[in-house]
C-alpha atoms as a PDB file:
ATOM      1  CA  MET A   1      -1.190 -14.980  47.377  1.00  0.00           C
ATOM      2  CA  ILE A   2      -2.272 -18.557  46.178  1.00  0.00           C
ATOM      3  CA  PRO A   3       0.290 -21.292  46.535  1.00  0.00           C
ATOM      4  CA  PHE A   4       0.850 -22.673  43.206  1.00  0.00           C
ATOM      5  CA  GLU A   5       1.417 -26.275  44.362  1.00  0.00           C
ATOM      6  CA  LYS A   6      -2.424 -26.197  45.469  1.00  0.00           C
ATOM      7  CA  ALA A   7      -3.510 -24.052  42.687  1.00  0.00           C
ATOM      8  CA  LEU A   8      -5.610 -25.336  39.649  1.00  0.00           C
ATOM      9  CA  PRO A   9      -5.919 -22.931  36.564  1.00  0.00           C
ATOM     10  CA  TYR A  10      -9.482 -22.762  35.161  1.00  0.00           C
ATOM     11  CA  ASP A  11     -11.215 -20.989  32.191  1.00  0.00           C
ATOM     12  CA  HIS A  12     -14.592 -19.509  31.544  1.00  0.00           C
ATOM     13  CA  LEU A  13     -16.021 -21.032  28.433  1.00  0.00           C
ATOM     14  CA  MET A  14     -19.549 -20.086  27.185  1.00  0.00           C
ATOM     15  CA  GLY A  15     -20.949 -19.854  30.848  1.00  0.00           C
ATOM     16  CA  ASP A  16     -19.056 -22.890  32.072  1.00  0.00           C
ATOM     17  CA  LEU A  17     -15.849 -23.434  34.050  1.00  0.00           C
ATOM     18  CA  THR A  18     -13.171 -25.851  32.531  1.00  0.00           C
ATOM     19  CA  VAL A  19      -9.677 -26.894  33.614  1.00  0.00           C
ATOM     20  CA  PRO A  20      -7.184 -27.606  30.860  1.00  0.00           C
ATOM     21  CA  GLN A  21      -6.254 -31.048  32.463  1.00  0.00           C
ATOM     22  CA  CYS A  22      -7.625 -33.152  35.236  1.00  0.00           C
ATOM     23  CA  PRO A  23      -5.097 -33.452  38.058  1.00  0.00           C
ATOM     24  CA  PHE A  24      -6.114 -36.939  38.744  1.00  0.00           C
ATOM     25  CA  CYS A  25      -6.549 -38.853  35.426  1.00  0.00           C
ATOM     26  CA  GLY A  26      -5.064 -36.323  32.920  1.00  0.00           C
ATOM     27  CA  ALA A  27      -8.237 -35.866  30.703  1.00  0.00           C
ATOM     28  CA  GLU A  28      -8.231 -32.633  28.873  1.00  0.00           C
ATOM     29  CA  ASN A  29     -10.732 -29.879  28.800  1.00  0.00           C
ATOM     30  CA  VAL A  30     -12.841 -31.126  31.827  1.00  0.00           C
ATOM     31  CA  LEU A  31     -16.040 -29.413  32.565  1.00  0.00           C
ATOM     32  CA  LEU A  32     -16.276 -28.478  36.216  1.00  0.00           C
ATOM     33  CA  PRO A  33     -19.456 -28.905  38.190  1.00  0.00           C
ATOM     34  CA  ILE A  34     -19.013 -25.276  39.372  1.00  0.00           C
ATOM     35  CA  LYS A  35     -21.097 -22.424  37.875  1.00  0.00           C
ATOM     36  CA  PRO A  36     -19.429 -18.908  37.491  1.00  0.00           C
ATOM     37  CA  SER A  37     -22.040 -17.551  39.831  1.00  0.00           C
ATOM     38  CA  GLU A  38     -20.655 -19.696  42.580  1.00  0.00           C
ATOM     39  CA  LEU A  39     -17.153 -18.184  42.409  1.00  0.00           C
ATOM     40  CA  GLU A  40     -18.129 -15.196  44.473  1.00  0.00           C
ATOM     41  CA  ASP A  41     -19.288 -17.372  47.232  1.00  0.00           C
ATOM     42  CA  ILE A  42     -16.070 -19.406  47.135  1.00  0.00           C
ATOM     43  CA  HIS A  43     -14.022 -16.178  47.118  1.00  0.00           C
ATOM     44  CA  THR A  44     -15.696 -14.973  50.430  1.00  0.00           C
ATOM     45  CA  GLY A  45     -14.926 -18.053  52.139  1.00  0.00           C
ATOM     46  CA  ARG A  46     -17.543 -20.894  51.363  1.00  0.00           C
ATOM     47  CA  LYS A  47     -15.741 -24.165  50.738  1.00  0.00           C
ATOM     48  CA  ARG A  48     -16.908 -26.312  47.681  1.00  0.00           C
ATOM     49  CA  LEU A  49     -16.433 -29.882  47.336  1.00  0.00           C
ATOM     50  CA  THR A  50     -15.608 -30.631  43.543  1.00  0.00           C
ATOM     51  CA  VAL A  51     -16.033 -34.066  41.943  1.00  0.00           C
ATOM     52  CA  PHE A  52     -14.443 -34.331  38.649  1.00  0.00           C
ATOM     53  CA  PRO A  53     -16.889 -36.106  35.982  1.00  0.00           C
ATOM     54  CA  CYS A  54     -14.042 -37.818  34.178  1.00  0.00           C
ATOM     55  CA  CYS A  55     -12.572 -40.007  37.001  1.00  0.00           C
ATOM     56  CA  HIS A  56     -14.748 -39.005  40.121  1.00  0.00           C
ATOM     57  CA  GLY A  57     -11.634 -37.604  41.766  1.00  0.00           C
ATOM     58  CA  ARG A  58     -12.438 -35.198  44.567  1.00  0.00           C
ATOM     59  CA  LEU A  59     -10.955 -32.135  45.904  1.00  0.00           C
ATOM     60  CA  THR A  60     -12.283 -29.118  47.950  1.00  0.00           C
ATOM     61  CA  VAL A  61     -11.904 -25.607  46.588  1.00  0.00           C
ATOM     62  CA  LEU A  62     -11.086 -23.034  49.395  1.00  0.00           C
ATOM     63  CA  ASP A  63     -10.554 -19.881  47.602  1.00  0.00           C
ATOM     64  CA  CYS A  64     -10.359 -18.468  44.014  1.00  0.00           C
ATOM     65  CA  ASP A  65      -9.224 -15.562  41.821  1.00  0.00           C
ATOM     66  CA  ASP A  66      -9.769 -14.624  38.233  1.00  0.00           C
ATOM     67  CA  ASP A  67      -7.373 -17.423  36.943  1.00  0.00           C
ATOM     68  CA  TYR A  68      -6.853 -20.091  39.812  1.00  0.00           C
ATOM     69  CA  LEU A  69      -8.899 -22.227  42.100  1.00  0.00           C
ATOM     70  CA  MET A  70      -7.027 -22.891  45.474  1.00  0.00           C
ATOM     71  CA  THR A  71      -7.513 -26.399  46.614  1.00  0.00           C
ATOM     72  CA  ASP A  72      -6.912 -28.280  50.058  1.00  0.00           C
ATOM     73  CA  THR A  73      -4.691 -30.772  48.256  1.00  0.00           C
ATOM     74  CA  VAL A  74      -1.528 -30.606  46.140  1.00  0.00           C
ATOM     75  CA  VAL A  75      -2.465 -30.901  42.466  1.00  0.00           C
ATOM     76  CA  LYS A  76      -0.290 -31.736  39.536  1.00  0.00           C
END
């Protein structure tokens, strides 16, 4: 089970991944630099550094499921 204080919800939108709100600056509907094809690698244990394009905030994605990305830091 993913701890929700370190979970970031995401959506599939026309072949891209988006988050409803940036955990760093609060920008809405932020496009993530992660492709849906990379989710399987993340789920099997590969870590992925993610830099948000809106404010250049960084976090590491450790795991994922169909709705959430599990990160190494507590997100808002």
